């Protein structure tokens, strides 16, 4: 599936690691 745009709400996020999946 896709990367949820809702992740943009995580204003304190320092690390976002989504590699090595099957995201489209």
PDBML (XML) file of the C-alpha atoms, coordinates in Angstrom:
<?xml version="1.0" encoding="UTF-8" ?>
<PDBx:datablock datablockName="MODEL"
   xmlns:PDBx="http://pdbml.pdb.org/schema/pdbx-v50.xsd"
   xmlns:xsi="http://www.w3.org/2001/XMLSchema-instance"
   xsi:schemaLocation="http://pdbml.pdb.org/schema/pdbx-v50.xsd pdbx-v50.xsd">
   <PDBx:atom_siteCategory>
      <PDBx:atom_site id="1">
         <PDBx:B_iso_or_equiv>0.00</PDBx:B_iso_or_equiv>
         <PDBx:Cartn_x>0.000</PDBx:Cartn_x>
         <PDBx:Cartn_y>0.000</PDBx:Cartn_y>
         <PDBx:Cartn_z>0.000</PDBx:Cartn_z>
         <PDBx:auth_asym_id>A</PDBx:auth_asym_id>
         <PDBx:auth_atom_id>CA</PDBx:auth_atom_id>
         <PDBx:auth_comp_id>UNK</PDBx:auth_comp_id>
         <PDBx:auth_seq_id>1</PDBx:auth_seq_id>
         <PDBx:group_PDB>ATOM</PDBx:group_PDB>
         <PDBx:label_alt_id xsi:nil="true" />
         <PDBx:label_asym_id>A</PDBx:label_asym_id>
         <PDBx:label_atom_id>CA</PDBx:label_atom_id>
         <PDBx:label_comp_id>UNK</PDBx:label_comp_id>
         <PDBx:label_entity_id>1</PDBx:label_entity_id>
         <PDBx:label_seq_id>1</PDBx:label_seq_id>
         <PDBx:occupancy>1.00</PDBx:occupancy>
         <PDBx:pdbx_PDB_model_num>1</PDBx:pdbx_PDB_model_num>
         <PDBx:type_symbol>C</PDBx:type_symbol>
      </PDBx:atom_site>
      <PDBx:atom_site id="2">
         <PDBx:B_iso_or_equiv>0.00</PDBx:B_iso_or_equiv>
         <PDBx:Cartn_x>0.882</PDBx:Cartn_x>
         <PDBx:Cartn_y>3.669</PDBx:Cartn_y>
         <PDBx:Cartn_z>0.192</PDBx:Cartn_z>
         <PDBx:auth_asym_id>A</PDBx:auth_asym_id>
         <PDBx:auth_atom_id>CA</PDBx:auth_atom_id>
         <PDBx:auth_comp_id>UNK</PDBx:auth_comp_id>
         <PDBx:auth_seq_id>2</PDBx:auth_seq_id>
         <PDBx:group_PDB>ATOM</PDBx:group_PDB>
         <PDBx:label_alt_id xsi:nil="true" />
         <PDBx:label_asym_id>A</PDBx:label_asym_id>
         <PDBx:label_atom_id>CA</PDBx:label_atom_id>
         <PDBx:label_comp_id>UNK</PDBx:label_comp_id>
         <PDBx:label_entity_id>1</PDBx:label_entity_id>
         <PDBx:label_seq_id>2</PDBx:label_seq_id>
         <PDBx:occupancy>1.00</PDBx:occupancy>
         <PDBx:pdbx_PDB_model_num>1</PDBx:pdbx_PDB_model_num>
         <PDBx:type_symbol>C</PDBx:type_symbol>
      </PDBx:atom_site>
      <PDBx:atom_site id="3">
         <PDBx:B_iso_or_equiv>0.00</PDBx:B_iso_or_equiv>
         <PDBx:Cartn_x>2.634</PDBx:Cartn_x>
         <PDBx:Cartn_y>5.779</PDBx:Cartn_y>
         <PDBx:Cartn_z>2.822</PDBx:Cartn_z>
         <PDBx:auth_asym_id>A</PDBx:auth_asym_id>
         <PDBx:auth_atom_id>CA</PDBx:auth_atom_id>
         <PDBx:auth_comp_id>UNK</PDBx:auth_comp_id>
         <PDBx:auth_seq_id>3</PDBx:auth_seq_id>
         <PDBx:group_PDB>ATOM</PDBx:group_PDB>
         <PDBx:label_alt_id xsi:nil="true" />
         <PDBx:label_asym_id>A</PDBx:label_asym_id>
         <PDBx:label_atom_id>CA</PDBx:label_atom_id>
         <PDBx:label_comp_id>UNK</PDBx:label_comp_id>
         <PDBx:label_entity_id>1</PDBx:label_entity_id>
         <PDBx:label_seq_id>3</PDBx:label_seq_id>
         <PDBx:occupancy>1.00</PDBx:occupancy>
         <PDBx:pdbx_PDB_model_num>1</PDBx:pdbx_PDB_model_num>
         <PDBx:type_symbol>C</PDBx:type_symbol>
      </PDBx:atom_site>
      <PDBx:atom_site id="4">
         <PDBx:B_iso_or_equiv>0.00</PDBx:B_iso_or_equiv>
         <PDBx:Cartn_x>-0.205</PDBx:Cartn_x>
         <PDBx:Cartn_y>7.334</PDBx:Cartn_y>
         <PDBx:Cartn_z>4.854</PDBx:Cartn_z>
         <PDBx:auth_asym_id>A</PDBx:auth_asym_id>
         <PDBx:auth_atom_id>CA</PDBx:auth_atom_id>
         <PDBx:auth_comp_id>UNK</PDBx:auth_comp_id>
         <PDBx:auth_seq_id>4</PDBx:auth_seq_id>
         <PDBx:group_PDB>ATOM</PDBx:group_PDB>
         <PDBx:label_alt_id xsi:nil="true" />
         <PDBx:label_asym_id>A</PDBx:label_asym_id>
         <PDBx:label_atom_id>CA</PDBx:label_atom_id>
         <PDBx:label_comp_id>UNK</PDBx:label_comp_id>
         <PDBx:label_entity_id>1</PDBx:label_entity_id>
         <PDBx:label_seq_id>4</PDBx:label_seq_id>
         <PDBx:occupancy>1.00</PDBx:occupancy>
         <PDBx:pdbx_PDB_model_num>1</PDBx:pdbx_PDB_model_num>
         <PDBx:type_symbol>C</PDBx:type_symbol>
      </PDBx:atom_site>
      <PDBx:atom_site id="5">
         <PDBx:B_iso_or_equiv>0.00</PDBx:B_iso_or_equiv>
         <PDBx:Cartn_x>-0.201</PDBx:Cartn_x>
         <PDBx:Cartn_y>11.139</PDBx:Cartn_y>
         <PDBx:Cartn_z>4.610</PDBx:Cartn_z>
         <PDBx:auth_asym_id>A</PDBx:auth_asym_id>
         <PDBx:auth_atom_id>CA</PDBx:auth_atom_id>
         <PDBx:auth_comp_id>UNK</PDBx:auth_comp_id>
         <PDBx:auth_seq_id>5</PDBx:auth_seq_id>
         <PDBx:group_PDB>ATOM</PDBx:group_PDB>
         <PDBx:label_alt_id xsi:nil="true" />
         <PDBx:label_asym_id>A</PDBx:label_asym_id>
         <PDBx:label_atom_id>CA</PDBx:label_atom_id>
         <PDBx:label_comp_id>UNK</PDBx:label_comp_id>
         <PDBx:label_entity_id>1</PDBx:label_entity_id>
         <PDBx:label_seq_id>5</PDBx:label_seq_id>
         <PDBx:occupancy>1.00</PDBx:occupancy>
         <PDBx:pdbx_PDB_model_num>1</PDBx:pdbx_PDB_model_num>
         <PDBx:type_symbol>C</PDBx:type_symbol>
      </PDBx:atom_site>
      <PDBx:atom_site id="6">
         <PDBx:B_iso_or_equiv>0.00</PDBx:B_iso_or_equiv>
         <PDBx:Cartn_x>-1.288</PDBx:Cartn_x>
         <PDBx:Cartn_y>11.101</PDBx:Cartn_y>
         <PDBx:Cartn_z>8.270</PDBx:Cartn_z>
         <PDBx:auth_asym_id>A</PDBx:auth_asym_id>
         <PDBx:auth_atom_id>CA</PDBx:auth_atom_id>
         <PDBx:auth_comp_id>UNK</PDBx:auth_comp_id>
         <PDBx:auth_seq_id>6</PDBx:auth_seq_id>
         <PDBx:group_PDB>ATOM</PDBx:group_PDB>
         <PDBx:label_alt_id xsi:nil="true" />
         <PDBx:label_asym_id>A</PDBx:label_asym_id>
         <PDBx:label_atom_id>CA</PDBx:label_atom_id>
         <PDBx:label_comp_id>UNK</PDBx:label_comp_id>
         <PDBx:label_entity_id>1</PDBx:label_entity_id>
         <PDBx:label_seq_id>6</PDBx:label_seq_id>
         <PDBx:occupancy>1.00</PDBx:occupancy>
         <PDBx:pdbx_PDB_model_num>1</PDBx:pdbx_PDB_model_num>
         <PDBx:type_symbol>C</PDBx:type_symbol>
      </PDBx:atom_site>
      <PDBx:atom_site id="7">
         <PDBx:B_iso_or_equiv>0.00</PDBx:B_iso_or_equiv>
         <PDBx:Cartn_x>2.324</PDBx:Cartn_x>
         <PDBx:Cartn_y>10.380</PDBx:Cartn_y>
         <PDBx:Cartn_z>9.218</PDBx:Cartn_z>
         <PDBx:auth_asym_id>A</PDBx:auth_asym_id>
         <PDBx:auth_atom_id>CA</PDBx:auth_atom_id>
         <PDBx:auth_comp_id>UNK</PDBx:auth_comp_id>
         <PDBx:auth_seq_id>7</PDBx:auth_seq_id>
         <PDBx:group_PDB>ATOM</PDBx:group_PDB>
         <PDBx:label_alt_id xsi:nil="true" />
         <PDBx:label_asym_id>A</PDBx:label_asym_id>
         <PDBx:label_atom_id>CA</PDBx:label_atom_id>
         <PDBx:label_comp_id>UNK</PDBx:label_comp_id>
         <PDBx:label_entity_id>1</PDBx:label_entity_id>
         <PDBx:label_seq_id>7</PDBx:label_seq_id>
         <PDBx:occupancy>1.00</PDBx:occupancy>
         <PDBx:pdbx_PDB_model_num>1</PDBx:pdbx_PDB_model_num>
         <PDBx:type_symbol>C</PDBx:type_symbol>
      </PDBx:atom_site>
      <PDBx:atom_site id="8">
         <PDBx:B_iso_or_equiv>0.00</PDBx:B_iso_or_equiv>
         <PDBx:Cartn_x>2.897</PDBx:Cartn_x>
         <PDBx:Cartn_y>14.053</PDBx:Cartn_y>
         <PDBx:Cartn_z>8.467</PDBx:Cartn_z>
         <PDBx:auth_asym_id>A</PDBx:auth_asym_id>
         <PDBx:auth_atom_id>CA</PDBx:auth_atom_id>
         <PDBx:auth_comp_id>UNK</PDBx:auth_comp_id>
         <PDBx:auth_seq_id>8</PDBx:auth_seq_id>
         <PDBx:group_PDB>ATOM</PDBx:group_PDB>
         <PDBx:label_alt_id xsi:nil="true" />
         <PDBx:label_asym_id>A</PDBx:label_asym_id>
         <PDBx:label_atom_id>CA</PDBx:label_atom_id>
         <PDBx:label_comp_id>UNK</PDBx:label_comp_id>
         <PDBx:label_entity_id>1</PDBx:label_entity_id>
         <PDBx:label_seq_id>8</PDBx:label_seq_id>
         <PDBx:occupancy>1.00</PDBx:occupancy>
         <PDBx:pdbx_PDB_model_num>1</PDBx:pdbx_PDB_model_num>
         <PDBx:type_symbol>C</PDBx:type_symbol>
      </PDBx:atom_site>
      <PDBx:atom_site id="9">
         <PDBx:B_iso_or_equiv>0.00</PDBx:B_iso_or_equiv>
         <PDBx:Cartn_x>1.097</PDBx:Cartn_x>
         <PDBx:Cartn_y>14.802</PDBx:Cartn_y>
         <PDBx:Cartn_z>11.745</PDBx:Cartn_z>
         <PDBx:auth_asym_id>A</PDBx:auth_asym_id>
         <PDBx:auth_atom_id>CA</PDBx:auth_atom_id>
         <PDBx:auth_comp_id>UNK</PDBx:auth_comp_id>
         <PDBx:auth_seq_id>9</PDBx:auth_seq_id>
         <PDBx:group_PDB>ATOM</PDBx:group_PDB>
         <PDBx:label_alt_id xsi:nil="true" />
         <PDBx:label_asym_id>A</PDBx:label_asym_id>
         <PDBx:label_atom_id>CA</PDBx:label_atom_id>
         <PDBx:label_comp_id>UNK</PDBx:label_comp_id>
         <PDBx:label_entity_id>1</PDBx:label_entity_id>
         <PDBx:label_seq_id>9</PDBx:label_seq_id>
         <PDBx:occupancy>1.00</PDBx:occupancy>
         <PDBx:pdbx_PDB_model_num>1</PDBx:pdbx_PDB_model_num>
         <PDBx:type_symbol>C</PDBx:type_symbol>
      </PDBx:atom_site>
      <PDBx:atom_site id="10">
         <PDBx:B_iso_or_equiv>0.00</PDBx:B_iso_or_equiv>
         <PDBx:Cartn_x>3.997</PDBx:Cartn_x>
         <PDBx:Cartn_y>13.381</PDBx:Cartn_y>
         <PDBx:Cartn_z>13.801</PDBx:Cartn_z>
         <PDBx:auth_asym_id>A</PDBx:auth_asym_id>
         <PDBx:auth_atom_id>CA</PDBx:auth_atom_id>
         <PDBx:auth_comp_id>UNK</PDBx:auth_comp_id>
         <PDBx:auth_seq_id>10</PDBx:auth_seq_id>
         <PDBx:group_PDB>ATOM</PDBx:group_PDB>
         <PDBx:label_alt_id xsi:nil="true" />
         <PDBx:label_asym_id>A</PDBx:label_asym_id>
         <PDBx:label_atom_id>CA</PDBx:label_atom_id>
         <PDBx:label_comp_id>UNK</PDBx:label_comp_id>
         <PDBx:label_entity_id>1</PDBx:label_entity_id>
         <PDBx:label_seq_id>10</PDBx:label_seq_id>
         <PDBx:occupancy>1.00</PDBx:occupancy>
         <PDBx:pdbx_PDB_model_num>1</PDBx:pdbx_PDB_model_num>
         <PDBx:type_symbol>C</PDBx:type_symbol>
      </PDBx:atom_site>
      <PDBx:atom_site id="11">
         <PDBx:B_iso_or_equiv>0.00</PDBx:B_iso_or_equiv>
         <PDBx:Cartn_x>5.643</PDBx:Cartn_x>
         <PDBx:Cartn_y>16.728</PDBx:Cartn_y>
         <PDBx:Cartn_z>14.473</PDBx:Cartn_z>
         <PDBx:auth_asym_id>A</PDBx:auth_asym_id>
         <PDBx:auth_atom_id>CA</PDBx:auth_atom_id>
         <PDBx:auth_comp_id>UNK</PDBx:auth_comp_id>
         <PDBx:auth_seq_id>11</PDBx:auth_seq_id>
         <PDBx:group_PDB>ATOM</PDBx:group_PDB>
         <PDBx:label_alt_id xsi:nil="true" />
         <PDBx:label_asym_id>A</PDBx:label_asym_id>
         <PDBx:label_atom_id>CA</PDBx:label_atom_id>
         <PDBx:label_comp_id>UNK</PDBx:label_comp_id>
         <PDBx:label_entity_id>1</PDBx:label_entity_id>
         <PDBx:label_seq_id>11</PDBx:label_seq_id>
         <PDBx:occupancy>1.00</PDBx:occupancy>
         <PDBx:pdbx_PDB_model_num>1</PDBx:pdbx_PDB_model_num>
         <PDBx:type_symbol>C</PDBx:type_symbol>
      </PDBx:atom_site>
      <PDBx:atom_site id="12">
         <PDBx:B_iso_or_equiv>0.00</PDBx:B_iso_or_equiv>
         <PDBx:Cartn_x>8.172</PDBx:Cartn_x>
         <PDBx:Cartn_y>15.333</PDBx:Cartn_y>
         <PDBx:Cartn_z>16.984</PDBx:Cartn_z>
         <PDBx:auth_asym_id>A</PDBx:auth_asym_id>
         <PDBx:auth_atom_id>CA</PDBx:auth_atom_id>
         <PDBx:auth_comp_id>UNK</PDBx:auth_comp_id>
         <PDBx:auth_seq_id>12</PDBx:auth_seq_id>
         <PDBx:group_PDB>ATOM</PDBx:group_PDB>
         <PDBx:label_alt_id xsi:nil="true" />
         <PDBx:label_asym_id>A</PDBx:label_asym_id>
         <PDBx:label_atom_id>CA</PDBx:label_atom_id>
         <PDBx:label_comp_id>UNK</PDBx:label_comp_id>
         <PDBx:label_entity_id>1</PDBx:label_entity_id>
         <PDBx:label_seq_id>12</PDBx:label_seq_id>
         <PDBx:occupancy>1.00</PDBx:occupancy>
         <PDBx:pdbx_PDB_model_num>1</PDBx:pdbx_PDB_model_num>
         <PDBx:type_symbol>C</PDBx:type_symbol>
      </PDBx:atom_site>
      <PDBx:atom_site id="13">
         <PDBx:B_iso_or_equiv>0.00</PDBx:B_iso_or_equiv>
         <PDBx:Cartn_x>9.329</PDBx:Cartn_x>
         <PDBx:Cartn_y>12.534</PDBx:Cartn_y>
         <PDBx:Cartn_z>14.710</PDBx:Cartn_z>
         <PDBx:auth_asym_id>A</PDBx:auth_asym_id>
         <PDBx:auth_atom_id>CA</PDBx:auth_atom_id>
         <PDBx:auth_comp_id>UNK</PDBx:auth_comp_id>
         <PDBx:auth_seq_id>13</PDBx:auth_seq_id>
         <PDBx:group_PDB>ATOM</PDBx:group_PDB>
         <PDBx:label_alt_id xsi:nil="true" />
         <PDBx:label_asym_id>A</PDBx:label_asym_id>
         <PDBx:label_atom_id>CA</PDBx:label_atom_id>
         <PDBx:label_comp_id>UNK</PDBx:label_comp_id>
         <PDBx:label_entity_id>1</PDBx:label_entity_id>
         <PDBx:label_seq_id>13</PDBx:label_seq_id>
         <PDBx:occupancy>1.00</PDBx:occupancy>
         <PDBx:pdbx_PDB_model_num>1</PDBx:pdbx_PDB_model_num>
         <PDBx:type_symbol>C</PDBx:type_symbol>
      </PDBx:atom_site>
      <PDBx:atom_site id="14">
         <PDBx:B_iso_or_equiv>0.00</PDBx:B_iso_or_equiv>
         <PDBx:Cartn_x>13.097</PDBx:Cartn_x>
         <PDBx:Cartn_y>12.301</PDBx:Cartn_y>
         <PDBx:Cartn_z>14.293</PDBx:Cartn_z>
         <PDBx:auth_asym_id>A</PDBx:auth_asym_id>
         <PDBx:auth_atom_id>CA</PDBx:auth_atom_id>
         <PDBx:auth_comp_id>UNK</PDBx:auth_comp_id>
         <PDBx:auth_seq_id>14</PDBx:auth_seq_id>
         <PDBx:group_PDB>ATOM</PDBx:group_PDB>
         <PDBx:label_alt_id xsi:nil="true" />
         <PDBx:label_asym_id>A</PDBx:label_asym_id>
         <PDBx:label_atom_id>CA</PDBx:label_atom_id>
         <PDBx:label_comp_id>UNK</PDBx:label_comp_id>
         <PDBx:label_entity_id>1</PDBx:label_entity_id>
         <PDBx:label_seq_id>14</PDBx:label_seq_id>
         <PDBx:occupancy>1.00</PDBx:occupancy>
         <PDBx:pdbx_PDB_model_num>1</PDBx:pdbx_PDB_model_num>
         <PDBx:type_symbol>C</PDBx:type_symbol>
      </PDBx:atom_site>
      <PDBx:atom_site id="15">
         <PDBx:B_iso_or_equiv>0.00</PDBx:B_iso_or_equiv>
         <PDBx:Cartn_x>13.419</PDBx:Cartn_x>
         <PDBx:Cartn_y>8.933</PDBx:Cartn_y>
         <PDBx:Cartn_z>12.539</PDBx:Cartn_z>
         <PDBx:auth_asym_id>A</PDBx:auth_asym_id>
         <PDBx:auth_atom_id>CA</PDBx:auth_atom_id>
         <PDBx:auth_comp_id>UNK</PDBx:auth_comp_id>
         <PDBx:auth_seq_id>15</PDBx:auth_seq_id>
         <PDBx:group_PDB>ATOM</PDBx:group_PDB>
         <PDBx:label_alt_id xsi:nil="true" />
         <PDBx:label_asym_id>A</PDBx:label_asym_id>
         <PDBx:label_atom_id>CA</PDBx:label_atom_id>
         <PDBx:label_comp_id>UNK</PDBx:label_comp_id>
         <PDBx:label_entity_id>1</PDBx:label_entity_id>
         <PDBx:label_seq_id>15</PDBx:label_seq_id>
         <PDBx:occupancy>1.00</PDBx:occupancy>
         <PDBx:pdbx_PDB_model_num>1</PDBx:pdbx_PDB_model_num>
         <PDBx:type_symbol>C</PDBx:type_symbol>
      </PDBx:atom_site>
      <PDBx:atom_site id="16">
         <PDBx:B_iso_or_equiv>0.00</PDBx:B_iso_or_equiv>
         <PDBx:Cartn_x>11.052</PDBx:Cartn_x>
         <PDBx:Cartn_y>7.505</PDBx:Cartn_y>
         <PDBx:Cartn_z>9.926</PDBx:Cartn_z>
         <PDBx:auth_asym_id>A</PDBx:auth_asym_id>
         <PDBx:auth_atom_id>CA</PDBx:auth_atom_id>
         <PDBx:auth_comp_id>UNK</PDBx:auth_comp_id>
         <PDBx:auth_seq_id>16</PDBx:auth_seq_id>
         <PDBx:group_PDB>ATOM</PDBx:group_PDB>
         <PDBx:label_alt_id xsi:nil="true" />
         <PDBx:label_asym_id>A</PDBx:label_asym_id>
         <PDBx:label_atom_id>CA</PDBx:label_atom_id>
         <PDBx:label_comp_id>UNK</PDBx:label_comp_id>
         <PDBx:label_entity_id>1</PDBx:label_entity_id>
         <PDBx:label_seq_id>16</PDBx:label_seq_id>
         <PDBx:occupancy>1.00</PDBx:occupancy>
         <PDBx:pdbx_PDB_model_num>1</PDBx:pdbx_PDB_model_num>
         <PDBx:type_symbol>C</PDBx:type_symbol>
      </PDBx:atom_site>
      <PDBx:atom_site id="17">
         <PDBx:B_iso_or_equiv>0.00</PDBx:B_iso_or_equiv>
         <PDBx:Cartn_x>12.314</PDBx:Cartn_x>
         <PDBx:Cartn_y>4.210</PDBx:Cartn_y>
         <PDBx:Cartn_z>8.569</PDBx:Cartn_z>
         <PDBx:auth_asym_id>A</PDBx:auth_asym_id>
         <PDBx:auth_atom_id>CA</PDBx:auth_atom_id>
         <PDBx:auth_comp_id>UNK</PDBx:auth_comp_id>
         <PDBx:auth_seq_id>17</PDBx:auth_seq_id>
         <PDBx:group_PDB>ATOM</PDBx:group_PDB>
         <PDBx:label_alt_id xsi:nil="true" />
         <PDBx:label_asym_id>A</PDBx:label_asym_id>
         <PDBx:label_atom_id>CA</PDBx:label_atom_id>
         <PDBx:label_comp_id>UNK</PDBx:label_comp_id>
         <PDBx:label_entity_id>1</PDBx:label_entity_id>
         <PDBx:label_seq_id>17</PDBx:label_seq_id>
         <PDBx:occupancy>1.00</PDBx:occupancy>
         <PDBx:pdbx_PDB_model_num>1</PDBx:pdbx_PDB_model_num>
         <PDBx:type_symbol>C</PDBx:type_symbol>
      </PDBx:atom_site>
      <PDBx:atom_site id="18">
         <PDBx:B_iso_or_equiv>0.00</PDBx:B_iso_or_equiv>
         <PDBx:Cartn_x>10.112</PDBx:Cartn_x>
         <PDBx:Cartn_y>2.425</PDBx:Cartn_y>
         <PDBx:Cartn_z>6.024</PDBx:Cartn_z>
         <PDBx:auth_asym_id>A</PDBx:auth_asym_id>
         <PDBx:auth_atom_id>CA</PDBx:auth_atom_id>
         <PDBx:auth_comp_id>UNK</PDBx:auth_comp_id>
         <PDBx:auth_seq_id>18</PDBx:auth_seq_id>
         <PDBx:group_PDB>ATOM</PDBx:group_PDB>
         <PDBx:label_alt_id xsi:nil="true" />
         <PDBx:label_asym_id>A</PDBx:label_asym_id>
         <PDBx:label_atom_id>CA</PDBx:label_atom_id>
         <PDBx:label_comp_id>UNK</PDBx:label_comp_id>
         <PDBx:label_entity_id>1</PDBx:label_entity_id>
         <PDBx:label_seq_id>18</PDBx:label_seq_id>
         <PDBx:occupancy>1.00</PDBx:occupancy>
         <PDBx:pdbx_PDB_model_num>1</PDBx:pdbx_PDB_model_num>
         <PDBx:type_symbol>C</PDBx:type_symbol>
      </PDBx:atom_site>
      <PDBx:atom_site id="19">
         <PDBx:B_iso_or_equiv>0.00</PDBx:B_iso_or_equiv>
         <PDBx:Cartn_x>12.744</PDBx:Cartn_x>
         <PDBx:Cartn_y>0.784</PDBx:Cartn_y>
         <PDBx:Cartn_z>3.826</PDBx:Cartn_z>
         <PDBx:auth_asym_id>A</PDBx:auth_asym_id>
         <PDBx:auth_atom_id>CA</PDBx:auth_atom_id>
         <PDBx:auth_comp_id>UNK</PDBx:auth_comp_id>
         <PDBx:auth_seq_id>19</PDBx:auth_seq_id>
         <PDBx:group_PDB>ATOM</PDBx:group_PDB>
         <PDBx:label_alt_id xsi:nil="true" />
         <PDBx:label_asym_id>A</PDBx:label_asym_id>
         <PDBx:label_atom_id>CA</PDBx:label_atom_id>
         <PDBx:label_comp_id>UNK</PDBx:label_comp_id>
         <PDBx:label_entity_id>1</PDBx:label_entity_id>
         <PDBx:label_seq_id>19</PDBx:label_seq_id>
         <PDBx:occupancy>1.00</PDBx:occupancy>
         <PDBx:pdbx_PDB_model_num>1</PDBx:pdbx_PDB_model_num>
         <PDBx:type_symbol>C</PDBx:type_symbol>
      </PDBx:atom_site>
      <PDBx:atom_site id="20">
         <PDBx:B_iso_or_equiv>0.00</PDBx:B_iso_or_equiv>
         <PDBx:Cartn_x>12.758</PDBx:Cartn_x>
         <PDBx:Cartn_y>-2.744</PDBx:Cartn_y>
         <PDBx:Cartn_z>2.428</PDBx:Cartn_z>
         <PDBx:auth_asym_id>A</PDBx:auth_asym_id>
         <PDBx:auth_atom_id>CA</PDBx:auth_atom_id>
         <PDBx:auth_comp_id>UNK</PDBx:auth_comp_id>
         <PDBx:auth_seq_id>20</PDBx:auth_seq_id>
         <PDBx:group_PDB>ATOM</PDBx:group_PDB>
         <PDBx:label_alt_id xsi:nil="true" />
         <PDBx:label_asym_id>A</PDBx:label_asym_id>
         <PDBx:label_atom_id>CA</PDBx:label_atom_id>
         <PDBx:label_comp_id>UNK</PDBx:label_comp_id>
         <PDBx:label_entity_id>1</PDBx:label_entity_id>
         <PDBx:label_seq_id>20</PDBx:label_seq_id>
         <PDBx:occupancy>1.00</PDBx:occupancy>
         <PDBx:pdbx_PDB_model_num>1</PDBx:pdbx_PDB_model_num>
         <PDBx:type_symbol>C</PDBx:type_symbol>
      </PDBx:atom_site>
      <PDBx:atom_site id="21">
         <PDBx:B_iso_or_equiv>0.00</PDBx:B_iso_or_equiv>
         <PDBx:Cartn_x>9.016</PDBx:Cartn_x>
         <PDBx:Cartn_y>-3.250</PDBx:Cartn_y>
         <PDBx:Cartn_z>2.125</PDBx:Cartn_z>
         <PDBx:auth_asym_id>A</PDBx:auth_asym_id>
         <PDBx:auth_atom_id>CA</PDBx:auth_atom_id>
         <PDBx:auth_comp_id>UNK</PDBx:auth_comp_id>
         <PDBx:auth_seq_id>21</PDBx:auth_seq_id>
         <PDBx:group_PDB>ATOM</PDBx:group_PDB>
         <PDBx:label_alt_id xsi:nil="true" />
         <PDBx:label_asym_id>A</PDBx:label_asym_id>
         <PDBx:label_atom_id>CA</PDBx:label_atom_id>
         <PDBx:label_comp_id>UNK</PDBx:label_comp_id>
         <PDBx:label_entity_id>1</PDBx:label_entity_id>
         <PDBx:label_seq_id>21</PDBx:label_seq_id>
         <PDBx:occupancy>1.00</PDBx:occupancy>
         <PDBx:pdbx_PDB_model_num>1</PDBx:pdbx_PDB_model_num>
         <PDBx:type_symbol>C</PDBx:type_symbol>
      </PDBx:atom_site>
      <PDBx:atom_site id="22">
         <PDBx:B_iso_or_equiv>0.00</PDBx:B_iso_or_equiv>
         <PDBx:Cartn_x>6.647</PDBx:Cartn_x>
         <PDBx:Cartn_y>-3.350</PDBx:Cartn_y>
         <PDBx:Cartn_z>-0.855</PDBx:Cartn_z>
         <PDBx:auth_asym_id>A</PDBx:auth_asym_id>
         <PDBx:auth_atom_id>CA</PDBx:auth_atom_id>
         <PDBx:auth_comp_id>UNK</PDBx:auth_comp_id>
         <PDBx:auth_seq_id>22</PDBx:auth_seq_id>
         <PDBx:group_PDB>ATOM</PDBx:group_PDB>
         <PDBx:label_alt_id xsi:nil="true" />
         <PDBx:label_asym_id>A</PDBx:label_asym_id>
         <PDBx:label_atom_id>CA</PDBx:label_atom_id>
         <PDBx:label_comp_id>UNK</PDBx:label_comp_id>
         <PDBx:label_entity_id>1</PDBx:label_entity_id>
         <PDBx:label_seq_id>22</PDBx:label_seq_id>
         <PDBx:occupancy>1.00</PDBx:occupancy>
         <PDBx:pdbx_PDB_model_num>1</PDBx:pdbx_PDB_model_num>
         <PDBx:type_symbol>C</PDBx:type_symbol>
      </PDBx:atom_site>
      <PDBx:atom_site id="23">
         <PDBx:B_iso_or_equiv>0.00</PDBx:B_iso_or_equiv>
         <PDBx:Cartn_x>5.187</PDBx:Cartn_x>
         <PDBx:Cartn_y>0.126</PDBx:Cartn_y>
         <PDBx:Cartn_z>-0.554</PDBx:Cartn_z>
         <PDBx:auth_asym_id>A</PDBx:auth_asym_id>
         <PDBx:auth_atom_id>CA</PDBx:auth_atom_id>
         <PDBx:auth_comp_id>UNK</PDBx:auth_comp_id>
         <PDBx:auth_seq_id>23</PDBx:auth_seq_id>
         <PDBx:group_PDB>ATOM</PDBx:group_PDB>
         <PDBx:label_alt_id xsi:nil="true" />
         <PDBx:label_asym_id>A</PDBx:label_asym_id>
         <PDBx:label_atom_id>CA</PDBx:label_atom_id>
         <PDBx:label_comp_id>UNK</PDBx:label_comp_id>
         <PDBx:label_entity_id>1</PDBx:label_entity_id>
         <PDBx:label_seq_id>23</PDBx:label_seq_id>
         <PDBx:occupancy>1.00</PDBx:occupancy>
         <PDBx:pdbx_PDB_model_num>1</PDBx:pdbx_PDB_model_num>
         <PDBx:type_symbol>C</PDBx:type_symbol>
      </PDBx:atom_site>
      <PDBx:atom_site id="24">
         <PDBx:B_iso_or_equiv>0.00</PDBx:B_iso_or_equiv>
         <PDBx:Cartn_x>3.718</PDBx:Cartn_x>
         <PDBx:Cartn_y>1.715</PDBx:Cartn_y>
         <PDBx:Cartn_z>-3.670</PDBx:Cartn_z>
         <PDBx:auth_asym_id>A</PDBx:auth_asym_id>
         <PDBx:auth_atom_id>CA</PDBx:auth_atom_id>
         <PDBx:auth_comp_id>UNK</PDBx:auth_comp_id>
         <PDBx:auth_seq_id>24</PDBx:auth_seq_id>
         <PDBx:group_PDB>ATOM</PDBx:group_PDB>
         <PDBx:label_alt_id xsi:nil="true" />
         <PDBx:label_asym_id>A</PDBx:label_asym_id>
         <PDBx:label_atom_id>CA</PDBx:label_atom_id>
         <PDBx:label_comp_id>UNK</PDBx:label_comp_id>
         <PDBx:label_entity_id>1</PDBx:label_entity_id>
         <PDBx:label_seq_id>24</PDBx:label_seq_id>
         <PDBx:occupancy>1.00</PDBx:occupancy>
         <PDBx:pdbx_PDB_model_num>1</PDBx:pdbx_PDB_model_num>
         <PDBx:type_symbol>C</PDBx:type_symbol>
      </PDBx:atom_site>
   </PDBx:atom_siteCategory>
</PDBx:datablock>
